[in-house]
C-alpha atoms as a PDB file:
ATOM      1  CA  UNK A   1     -90.633  48.316  21.438  1.00  0.00           C
ATOM      2  CA  UNK A   2     -88.792  45.585  23.386  1.00  0.00           C
ATOM      3  CA  UNK A   3     -91.111  43.411  25.389  1.00  0.00           C
ATOM      4  CA  UNK A   4     -90.741  40.945  28.209  1.00  0.00           C
ATOM      5  CA  UNK A   5     -87.661  39.625  29.942  1.00  0.00           C
ATOM      6  CA  UNK A   6     -85.891  36.288  29.951  1.00  0.00           C
ATOM      7  CA  UNK A   7     -88.948  34.667  31.474  1.00  0.00           C
ATOM      8  CA  UNK A   8     -89.022  31.176  32.977  1.00  0.00           C
ATOM      9  CA  UNK A   9     -86.177  28.724  32.566  1.00  0.00           C
ATOM     10  CA  UNK A  10     -86.218  26.937  29.229  1.00  0.00           C
ATOM     11  CA  UNK A  11     -85.314  23.438  28.204  1.00  0.00           C
ATOM     12  CA  UNK A  12     -81.565  23.238  27.650  1.00  0.00           C
ATOM     13  CA  UNK A  13     -80.728  23.842  24.036  1.00  0.00           C
ATOM     14  CA  UNK A  14     -84.144  25.268  23.099  1.00  0.00           C
ATOM     15  CA  UNK A  15     -84.019  26.393  19.452  1.00  0.00           C
ATOM     16  CA  UNK A  16     -84.579  30.044  18.553  1.00  0.00           C
ATOM     17  CA  UNK A  17     -85.371  30.437  14.851  1.00  0.00           C
ATOM     18  CA  UNK A  18     -84.388  33.681  13.130  1.00  0.00           C
ATOM     19  CA  UNK A  19     -85.083  34.446   9.460  1.00  0.00           C
ATOM     20  CA  UNK A  20     -85.431  37.314   7.010  1.00  0.00           C
ATOM     21  CA  UNK A  21     -83.321  40.174   5.695  1.00  0.00           C
ATOM     22  CA  UNK A  22     -80.126  39.182   3.893  1.00  0.00           C
ATOM     23  CA  UNK A  23     -78.686  42.538   4.965  1.00  0.00           C
ATOM     24  CA  UNK A  24     -79.125  41.673   8.640  1.00  0.00           C
ATOM     25  CA  UNK A  25     -78.123  38.026   8.012  1.00  0.00           C
ATOM     26  CA  UNK A  26     -74.345  38.306   8.619  1.00  0.00           C
ATOM     27  CA  UNK A  27     -74.925  40.396  11.753  1.00  0.00           C
ATOM     28  CA  UNK A  28     -77.406  37.852  13.117  1.00  0.00           C
ATOM     29  CA  UNK A  29     -75.123  34.943  12.186  1.00  0.00           C
ATOM     30  CA  UNK A  30     -72.187  36.560  13.977  1.00  0.00           C
ATOM     31  CA  UNK A  31     -74.377  37.350  16.959  1.00  0.00           C
ATOM     32  CA  UNK A  32     -75.757  33.811  17.047  1.00  0.00           C
ATOM     33  CA  UNK A  33     -72.260  32.321  17.041  1.00  0.00           C
ATOM     34  CA  UNK A  34     -71.224  34.479  20.000  1.00  0.00           C
ATOM     35  CA  UNK A  35     -74.530  33.955  21.850  1.00  0.00           C
ATOM     36  CA  UNK A  36     -74.526  30.175  21.337  1.00  0.00           C
ATOM     37  CA  UNK A  37     -70.957  29.970  22.641  1.00  0.00           C
ATOM     38  CA  UNK A  38     -71.748  32.063  25.710  1.00  0.00           C
ATOM     39  CA  UNK A  39     -74.651  30.014  27.089  1.00  0.00           C
ATOM     40  CA  UNK A  40     -76.311  26.616  26.776  1.00  0.00           C
ATOM     41  CA  UNK A  41     -80.015  27.313  27.354  1.00  0.00           C
ATOM     42  CA  UNK A  42     -80.768  28.346  23.777  1.00  0.00           C
ATOM     43  CA  UNK A  43     -79.455  27.603  20.305  1.00  0.00           C
ATOM     44  CA  UNK A  44     -80.068  30.319  17.707  1.00  0.00           C
ATOM     45  CA  UNK A  45     -80.412  29.181  14.086  1.00  0.00           C
ATOM     46  CA  UNK A  46     -80.366  31.896  11.408  1.00  0.00           C
ATOM     47  CA  UNK A  47     -81.593  31.733   7.797  1.00  0.00           C
ATOM     48  CA  UNK A  48     -82.164  34.424   5.157  1.00  0.00           C
ATOM     49  CA  UNK A  49     -84.966  34.814   2.641  1.00  0.00           C
ATOM     50  CA  UNK A  50     -85.399  38.601   2.642  1.00  0.00           C
ATOM     51  CA  UNK A  51     -87.242  41.075   4.860  1.00  0.00           C
ATOM     52  CA  UNK A  52     -90.695  40.158   3.564  1.00  0.00           C
ATOM     53  CA  UNK A  53     -90.067  36.490   4.295  1.00  0.00           C
ATOM     54  CA  UNK A  54     -88.845  37.237   7.799  1.00  0.00           C
ATOM     55  CA  UNK A  55     -91.890  39.333   8.618  1.00  0.00           C
ATOM     56  CA  UNK A  56     -94.240  36.660   7.270  1.00  0.00           C
ATOM     57  CA  UNK A  57     -92.384  33.876   9.082  1.00  0.00           C
ATOM     58  CA  UNK A  58     -92.506  35.588  12.460  1.00  0.00           C
ATOM     59  CA  UNK A  59     -96.204  36.432  12.024  1.00  0.00           C
ATOM     60  CA  UNK A  60     -96.976  32.839  11.004  1.00  0.00           C
ATOM     61  CA  UNK A  61     -95.039  31.379  13.933  1.00  0.00           C
ATOM     62  CA  UNK A  62     -92.427  29.764  11.689  1.00  0.00           C
ATOM     63  CA  UNK A  63     -89.689  31.949  13.170  1.00  0.00           C
ATOM     64  CA  UNK A  64     -89.238  33.442  16.623  1.00  0.00           C
ATOM     65  CA  UNK A  65     -87.538  36.559  15.221  1.00  0.00           C
ATOM     66  CA  UNK A  66     -87.944  38.206  11.835  1.00  0.00           C
ATOM     67  CA  UNK A  67     -84.963  40.189  10.544  1.00  0.00           C
ATOM     68  CA  UNK A  68     -85.806  43.345   8.610  1.00  0.00           C
ATOM     69  CA  UNK A  69     -83.944  46.196   6.941  1.00  0.00           C
ATOM     70  CA  UNK A  70     -87.065  48.376   7.003  1.00  0.00           C
ATOM     71  CA  UNK A  71     -90.065  48.925   9.234  1.00  0.00           C
ATOM     72  CA  UNK A  72     -93.126  46.708   8.983  1.00  0.00           C
ATOM     73  CA  UNK A  73     -95.523  48.210   6.455  1.00  0.00           C
ATOM     74  CA  UNK A  74     -99.179  49.110   6.854  1.00  0.00           C
ATOM     75  CA  UNK A  75    -100.013  46.373   4.336  1.00  0.00           C
ATOM     76  CA  UNK A  76     -98.204  43.771   6.459  1.00  0.00           C
ATOM     77  CA  UNK A  77     -99.965  44.930   9.620  1.00  0.00           C
ATOM     78  CA  UNK A  78    -103.292  44.719   7.758  1.00  0.00           C
ATOM     79  CA  UNK A  79    -102.444  41.225   6.520  1.00  0.00           C
ATOM     80  CA  UNK A  80    -101.019  39.711   9.707  1.00  0.00           C
ATOM     81  CA  UNK A  81    -102.322  41.876  12.551  1.00  0.00           C
ATOM     82  CA  UNK A  82    -100.961  44.667  14.738  1.00  0.00           C
ATOM     83  CA  UNK A  83     -98.861  42.492  17.053  1.00  0.00           C
ATOM     84  CA  UNK A  84     -95.360  43.234  15.742  1.00  0.00           C
ATOM     85  CA  UNK A  85     -92.795  44.296  18.342  1.00  0.00           C
ATOM     86  CA  UNK A  86     -89.868  46.244  16.906  1.00  0.00           C
ATOM     87  CA  UNK A  87     -86.293  46.046  18.192  1.00  0.00           C
ATOM     88  CA  UNK A  88     -83.688  48.352  16.635  1.00  0.00           C
ATOM     89  CA  UNK A  89     -80.327  46.525  16.627  1.00  0.00           C
ATOM     90  CA  UNK A  90     -78.075  48.640  14.391  1.00  0.00           C
ATOM     91  CA  UNK A  91     -77.635  50.757  11.283  1.00  0.00           C
ATOM     92  CA  UNK A  92     -76.489  50.067   7.743  1.00  0.00           C
ATOM     93  CA  UNK A  93     -75.900  52.003   4.547  1.00  0.00           C
ATOM     94  CA  UNK A  94     -76.875  50.973   1.030  1.00  0.00           C
ATOM     95  CA  UNK A  95     -73.839  51.136  -1.214  1.00  0.00           C
ATOM     96  CA  UNK A  96     -73.987  51.809  -4.936  1.00  0.00           C
ATOM     97  CA  UNK A  97     -71.329  49.477  -6.316  1.00  0.00           C
ATOM     98  CA  UNK A  98     -69.862  49.024  -9.786  1.00  0.00           C
ATOM     99  CA  UNK A  99     -67.536  46.507 -11.395  1.00  0.00           C
ATOM    100  CA  UNK A 100     -63.888  47.227 -10.686  1.00  0.00           C
ATOM    101  CA  UNK A 101     -63.283  47.781 -14.414  1.00  0.00           C
ATOM    102  CA  UNK A 102     -65.874  50.573 -14.452  1.00  0.00           C
ATOM    103  CA  UNK A 103     -64.510  52.139 -11.268  1.00  0.00           C
ATOM    104  CA  UNK A 104     -60.943  51.971 -12.569  1.00  0.00           C
ATOM    105  CA  UNK A 105     -62.235  53.379 -15.869  1.00  0.00           C
ATOM    106  CA  UNK A 106     -63.215  56.625 -14.167  1.00  0.00           C
ATOM    107  CA  UNK A 107     -66.731  56.205 -12.751  1.00  0.00           C
ATOM    108  CA  UNK A 108     -66.189  56.686  -9.018  1.00  0.00           C
ATOM    109  CA  UNK A 109     -68.881  59.225  -8.136  1.00  0.00           C
ATOM    110  CA  UNK A 110     -72.534  59.589  -9.091  1.00  0.00           C
ATOM    111  CA  UNK A 111     -75.463  61.760  -8.112  1.00  0.00           C
ATOM    112  CA  UNK A 112     -78.836  60.451  -7.023  1.00  0.00           C
ATOM    113  CA  UNK A 113     -80.283  61.751 -10.284  1.00  0.00           C
ATOM    114  CA  UNK A 114     -77.738  59.817 -12.340  1.00  0.00           C
ATOM    115  CA  UNK A 115     -78.448  56.602 -10.415  1.00  0.00           C
ATOM    116  CA  UNK A 116     -82.175  57.185 -10.903  1.00  0.00           C
ATOM    117  CA  UNK A 117     -81.668  57.598 -14.659  1.00  0.00           C
ATOM    118  CA  UNK A 118     -79.683  54.345 -14.785  1.00  0.00           C
ATOM    119  CA  UNK A 119     -82.422  52.390 -13.002  1.00  0.00           C
ATOM    120  CA  UNK A 120     -85.183  54.048 -15.020  1.00  0.00           C
ATOM    121  CA  UNK A 121     -83.414  53.106 -18.249  1.00  0.00           C
ATOM    122  CA  UNK A 122     -82.603  56.671 -19.378  1.00  0.00           C
ATOM    123  CA  UNK A 123     -78.850  55.993 -19.162  1.00  0.00           C
ATOM    124  CA  UNK A 124     -77.675  52.599 -20.356  1.00  0.00           C
ATOM    125  CA  UNK A 125     -74.063  53.101 -21.472  1.00  0.00           C
ATOM    126  CA  UNK A 126     -71.120  53.936 -19.234  1.00  0.00           C
ATOM    127  CA  UNK A 127     -69.705  56.393 -21.765  1.00  0.00           C
ATOM    128  CA  UNK A 128     -72.552  58.773 -20.868  1.00  0.00           C
ATOM    129  CA  UNK A 129     -71.036  59.033 -17.377  1.00  0.00           C
ATOM    130  CA  UNK A 130     -67.412  59.386 -18.408  1.00  0.00           C
ATOM    131  CA  UNK A 131     -66.672  55.673 -18.421  1.00  0.00           C
ATOM    132  CA  UNK A 132     -65.904  53.121 -21.128  1.00  0.00           C
ATOM    133  CA  UNK A 133     -68.184  52.527 -24.113  1.00  0.00           C
ATOM    134  CA  UNK A 134     -69.999  49.579 -22.550  1.00  0.00           C
ATOM    135  CA  UNK A 135     -73.687  48.773 -22.197  1.00  0.00           C
ATOM    136  CA  UNK A 136     -74.637  48.592 -18.524  1.00  0.00           C
ATOM    137  CA  UNK A 137     -75.532  45.468 -16.606  1.00  0.00           C
ATOM    138  CA  UNK A 138     -78.001  46.922 -14.087  1.00  0.00           C
ATOM    139  CA  UNK A 139     -78.568  44.674 -11.088  1.00  0.00           C
ATOM    140  CA  UNK A 140     -81.649  44.980  -8.863  1.00  0.00           C
ATOM    141  CA  UNK A 141     -83.380  43.076  -6.080  1.00  0.00           C
ATOM    142  CA  UNK A 142     -86.552  41.031  -5.925  1.00  0.00           C
ATOM    143  CA  UNK A 143     -89.896  42.279  -4.631  1.00  0.00           C
ATOM    144  CA  UNK A 144     -90.124  41.963  -0.851  1.00  0.00           C
ATOM    145  CA  UNK A 145     -86.507  43.000  -0.333  1.00  0.00           C
ATOM    146  CA  UNK A 146     -86.077  45.676   2.327  1.00  0.00           C
ATOM    147  CA  UNK A 147     -82.947  46.875   0.539  1.00  0.00           C
ATOM    148  CA  UNK A 148     -84.951  47.330  -2.656  1.00  0.00           C
ATOM    149  CA  UNK A 149     -87.702  49.216  -0.813  1.00  0.00           C
ATOM    150  CA  UNK A 150     -85.215  51.626   0.747  1.00  0.00           C
ATOM    151  CA  UNK A 151     -83.371  52.122  -2.546  1.00  0.00           C
ATOM    152  CA  UNK A 152     -86.594  52.747  -4.447  1.00  0.00           C
ATOM    153  CA  UNK A 153     -87.923  55.188  -1.868  1.00  0.00           C
ATOM    154  CA  UNK A 154     -84.681  57.144  -1.569  1.00  0.00           C
ATOM    155  CA  UNK A 155     -83.422  57.056  -5.171  1.00  0.00           C
ATOM    156  CA  UNK A 156     -86.505  56.494  -7.324  1.00  0.00           C
ATOM    157  CA  UNK A 157     -88.873  58.526  -5.136  1.00  0.00           C
ATOM    158  CA  UNK A 158     -91.386  55.761  -4.459  1.00  0.00           C
ATOM    159  CA  UNK A 159     -91.024  52.470  -2.595  1.00  0.00           C
ATOM    160  CA  UNK A 160     -93.111  50.747  -5.281  1.00  0.00           C
ATOM    161  CA  UNK A 161     -91.401  52.452  -8.232  1.00  0.00           C
ATOM    162  CA  UNK A 162     -90.761  50.520 -11.407  1.00  0.00           C
ATOM    163  CA  UNK A 163     -87.111  50.163 -12.429  1.00  0.00           C
ATOM    164  CA  UNK A 164     -87.189  49.341 -16.155  1.00  0.00           C
ATOM    165  CA  UNK A 165     -83.438  49.834 -16.448  1.00  0.00           C
ATOM    166  CA  UNK A 166     -82.801  46.670 -14.424  1.00  0.00           C
ATOM    167  CA  UNK A 167     -81.778  43.710 -16.560  1.00  0.00           C
ATOM    168  CA  UNK A 168     -80.666  41.331 -13.796  1.00  0.00           C
ATOM    169  CA  UNK A 169     -82.800  40.605 -10.695  1.00  0.00           C
ATOM    170  CA  UNK A 170     -81.222  38.886  -7.704  1.00  0.00           C
ATOM    171  CA  UNK A 171     -82.506  37.421  -4.451  1.00  0.00           C
ATOM    172  CA  UNK A 172     -79.937  38.623  -1.929  1.00  0.00           C
ATOM    173  CA  UNK A 173     -77.124  41.068  -1.235  1.00  0.00           C
ATOM    174  CA  UNK A 174     -74.631  38.260  -1.848  1.00  0.00           C
ATOM    175  CA  UNK A 175     -76.133  37.588  -5.285  1.00  0.00           C
ATOM    176  CA  UNK A 176     -75.893  41.287  -6.179  1.00  0.00           C
ATOM    177  CA  UNK A 177     -72.234  41.234  -5.208  1.00  0.00           C
ATOM    178  CA  UNK A 178     -71.628  38.092  -7.265  1.00  0.00           C
ATOM    179  CA  UNK A 179     -73.296  39.702 -10.298  1.00  0.00           C
ATOM    180  CA  UNK A 180     -71.233  42.886  -9.975  1.00  0.00           C
ATOM    181  CA  UNK A 181     -67.915  41.134  -9.397  1.00  0.00           C
ATOM    182  CA  UNK A 182     -68.644  38.648 -12.170  1.00  0.00           C
ATOM    183  CA  UNK A 183     -69.094  41.384 -14.783  1.00  0.00           C
ATOM    184  CA  UNK A 184     -66.909  44.137 -16.197  1.00  0.00           C
ATOM    185  CA  UNK A 185     -69.818  46.546 -16.759  1.00  0.00           C
ATOM    186  CA  UNK A 186     -72.250  46.168 -13.846  1.00  0.00           C
ATOM    187  CA  UNK A 187     -73.874  48.417 -11.281  1.00  0.00           C
ATOM    188  CA  UNK A 188     -75.856  47.258  -8.269  1.00  0.00           C
ATOM    189  CA  UNK A 189     -76.814  48.197  -4.719  1.00  0.00           C
ATOM    190  CA  UNK A 190     -76.096  46.236  -1.556  1.00  0.00           C
ATOM    191  CA  UNK A 191     -75.695  46.533   2.188  1.00  0.00           C
ATOM    192  CA  UNK A 192     -72.554  48.389   3.304  1.00  0.00           C
ATOM    193  CA  UNK A 193     -71.033  45.348   4.995  1.00  0.00           C
ATOM    194  CA  UNK A 194     -71.028  43.420   1.700  1.00  0.00           C
ATOM    195  CA  UNK A 195     -68.862  46.030  -0.031  1.00  0.00           C
ATOM    196  CA  UNK A 196     -66.022  46.415   2.437  1.00  0.00           C
ATOM    197  CA  UNK A 197     -63.631  43.802   1.033  1.00  0.00           C
ATOM    198  CA  UNK A 198     -62.526  45.819  -1.999  1.00  0.00           C
ATOM    199  CA  UNK A 199     -63.903  43.464  -4.660  1.00  0.00           C
ATOM    200  CA  UNK A 200     -66.382  46.067  -5.952  1.00  0.00           C
ATOM    201  CA  UNK A 201     -65.992  49.759  -6.714  1.00  0.00           C
ATOM    202  CA  UNK A 202     -67.859  51.723  -4.045  1.00  0.00           C
ATOM    203  CA  UNK A 203     -69.460  54.844  -5.490  1.00  0.00           C
ATOM    204  CA  UNK A 204     -69.387  58.225  -3.778  1.00  0.00           C
ATOM    205  CA  UNK A 205     -73.020  59.408  -3.804  1.00  0.00           C
ATOM    206  CA  UNK A 206     -73.762  63.121  -4.054  1.00  0.00           C
ATOM    207  CA  UNK A 207     -70.194  63.834  -2.970  1.00  0.00           C
ATOM    208  CA  UNK A 208     -70.278  61.667   0.165  1.00  0.00           C
ATOM    209  CA  UNK A 209     -68.487  58.323   0.437  1.00  0.00           C
ATOM    210  CA  UNK A 210     -70.226  55.666   2.559  1.00  0.00           C
ATOM    211  CA  UNK A 211     -68.430  54.836   5.806  1.00  0.00           C
ATOM    212  CA  UNK A 212     -69.426  53.917   9.341  1.00  0.00           C
ATOM    213  CA  UNK A 213     -68.894  57.537  10.321  1.00  0.00           C
ATOM    214  CA  UNK A 214     -70.921  59.110   7.484  1.00  0.00           C
ATOM    215  CA  UNK A 215     -73.726  56.569   7.883  1.00  0.00           C
ATOM    216  CA  UNK A 216     -74.024  57.174  11.612  1.00  0.00           C
ATOM    217  CA  UNK A 217     -73.808  60.966  11.456  1.00  0.00           C
ATOM    218  CA  UNK A 218     -76.285  61.169   8.572  1.00  0.00           C
ATOM    219  CA  UNK A 219     -74.011  62.711   5.948  1.00  0.00           C
ATOM    220  CA  UNK A 220     -74.410  59.580   3.837  1.00  0.00           C
ATOM    221  CA  UNK A 221     -78.150  59.638   3.414  1.00  0.00           C
ATOM    222  CA  UNK A 222     -78.756  56.286   1.703  1.00  0.00           C
ATOM    223  CA  UNK A 223     -78.885  54.508   5.054  1.00  0.00           C
ATOM    224  CA  UNK A 224     -81.423  52.602   7.115  1.00  0.00           C
ATOM    225  CA  UNK A 225     -82.183  51.069  10.475  1.00  0.00           C
ATOM    226  CA  UNK A 226     -81.979  47.314  11.066  1.00  0.00           C
ATOM    227  CA  UNK A 227     -84.570  45.474  13.120  1.00  0.00           C
ATOM    228  CA  UNK A 228     -85.424  42.252  14.903  1.00  0.00           C
ATOM    229  CA  UNK A 229     -89.212  41.769  14.998  1.00  0.00           C
ATOM    230  CA  UNK A 230     -91.208  39.484  17.224  1.00  0.00           C
ATOM    231  CA  UNK A 231     -94.934  38.889  16.897  1.00  0.00           C
ATOM    232  CA  UNK A 232     -96.716  39.259  20.192  1.00  0.00           C
ATOM    233  CA  UNK A 233     -94.672  38.553  23.316  1.00  0.00           C
ATOM    234  CA  UNK A 234     -91.196  37.310  22.529  1.00  0.00           C
ATOM    235  CA  UNK A 235     -90.342  33.791  23.615  1.00  0.00           C
ATOM    236  CA  UNK A 236     -87.790  33.588  26.421  1.00  0.00           C
ATOM    237  CA  UNK A 237     -85.115  32.474  23.955  1.00  0.00           C
ATOM    238  CA  UNK A 238     -85.910  35.201  21.442  1.00  0.00           C
ATOM    239  CA  UNK A 239     -85.812  37.859  24.161  1.00  0.00           C
ATOM    240  CA  UNK A 240     -82.516  36.513  25.463  1.00  0.00           C
ATOM    241  CA  UNK A 241     -80.992  36.796  21.984  1.00  0.00           C
ATOM    242  CA  UNK A 242     -82.408  40.303  21.461  1.00  0.00           C
ATOM    243  CA  UNK A 243     -81.015  41.382  24.829  1.00  0.00           C
ATOM    244  CA  UNK A 244     -77.620  39.982  23.843  1.00  0.00           C
ATOM    245  CA  UNK A 245     -77.628  41.860  20.526  1.00  0.00           C
ATOM    246  CA  UNK A 246     -78.390  45.102  22.405  1.00  0.00           C
ATOM    247  CA  UNK A 247     -75.628  44.495  24.943  1.00  0.00           C
ATOM    248  CA  UNK A 248     -72.051  45.734  24.622  1.00  0.00           C
ATOM    249  CA  UNK A 249     -70.995  42.285  23.384  1.00  0.00           C
ATOM    250  CA  UNK A 250     -73.730  42.216  20.755  1.00  0.00           C
ATOM    251  CA  UNK A 251     -72.953  45.711  19.547  1.00  0.00           C
ATOM    252  CA  UNK A 252     -69.282  44.737  19.308  1.00  0.00           C
ATOM    253  CA  UNK A 253     -70.398  42.005  16.897  1.00  0.00           C
ATOM    254  CA  UNK A 254     -72.183  44.657  14.820  1.00  0.00           C
ATOM    255  CA  UNK A 255     -68.966  46.662  14.658  1.00  0.00           C
ATOM    256  CA  UNK A 256     -66.898  43.585  13.792  1.00  0.00           C
ATOM    257  CA  UNK A 257     -69.181  42.622  10.901  1.00  0.00           C
ATOM    258  CA  UNK A 258     -69.124  46.051   9.301  1.00  0.00           C
ATOM    259  CA  UNK A 259     -72.386  47.448  10.649  1.00  0.00           C
ATOM    260  CA  UNK A 260     -72.896  50.674  12.537  1.00  0.00           C
ATOM    261  CA  UNK A 261     -73.714  50.048  16.213  1.00  0.00           C
ATOM    262  CA  UNK A 262     -76.365  51.904  18.172  1.00  0.00           C
END
């Protein structure tokens, strides 16, 4: 739910603090650059930290907006209170990505069940999937990550599932990408926008390749909604930035940065 309007005039240059999901981070950074250039009343400053951090920060008053790649959970509402206001700003897919050497070696398509077996530790060598005889480097995300929660729920069958196959844990989408590109035998999962530059091998999942079109029309099912959360009534600056992100200009930023607009 979007609340409020621009409200009363603010002090020139009033800071709007945004933190949270590293999936939403590049979208928010691009939006902040455009928004800050377009007006002088507010200055948006964006930092990452992960979805859980963003939700905690906005509830604690540290941030004006919390970025999230999942909905607020019942546990978070119980912990912080039922005052979260949800603003859908775009869509994103979660890409299963492998090292270029593995992709070029023949592993270009996997099923959900195969990915699940990799992350559960049942498959640990690429030769079992038609690739080279190499032990897998399996890259996962830290607890509190919205990307991890969505991956676990969709692939593993439970948001809180254990993934004993993981042997490298990272703290952001960018770190997953670095781990995958820095290895010749890795697999990881990351936001769609992080995988568009061709430096990783993007896996076709259950016969469907991730793209803006397949994410938006639902054919690529490993996808999620992206949110800006406020806690209680949004500040005038936060609401102004949310309104910008929902405008044609803001949605053009989403498109430019590889996200799927509303």
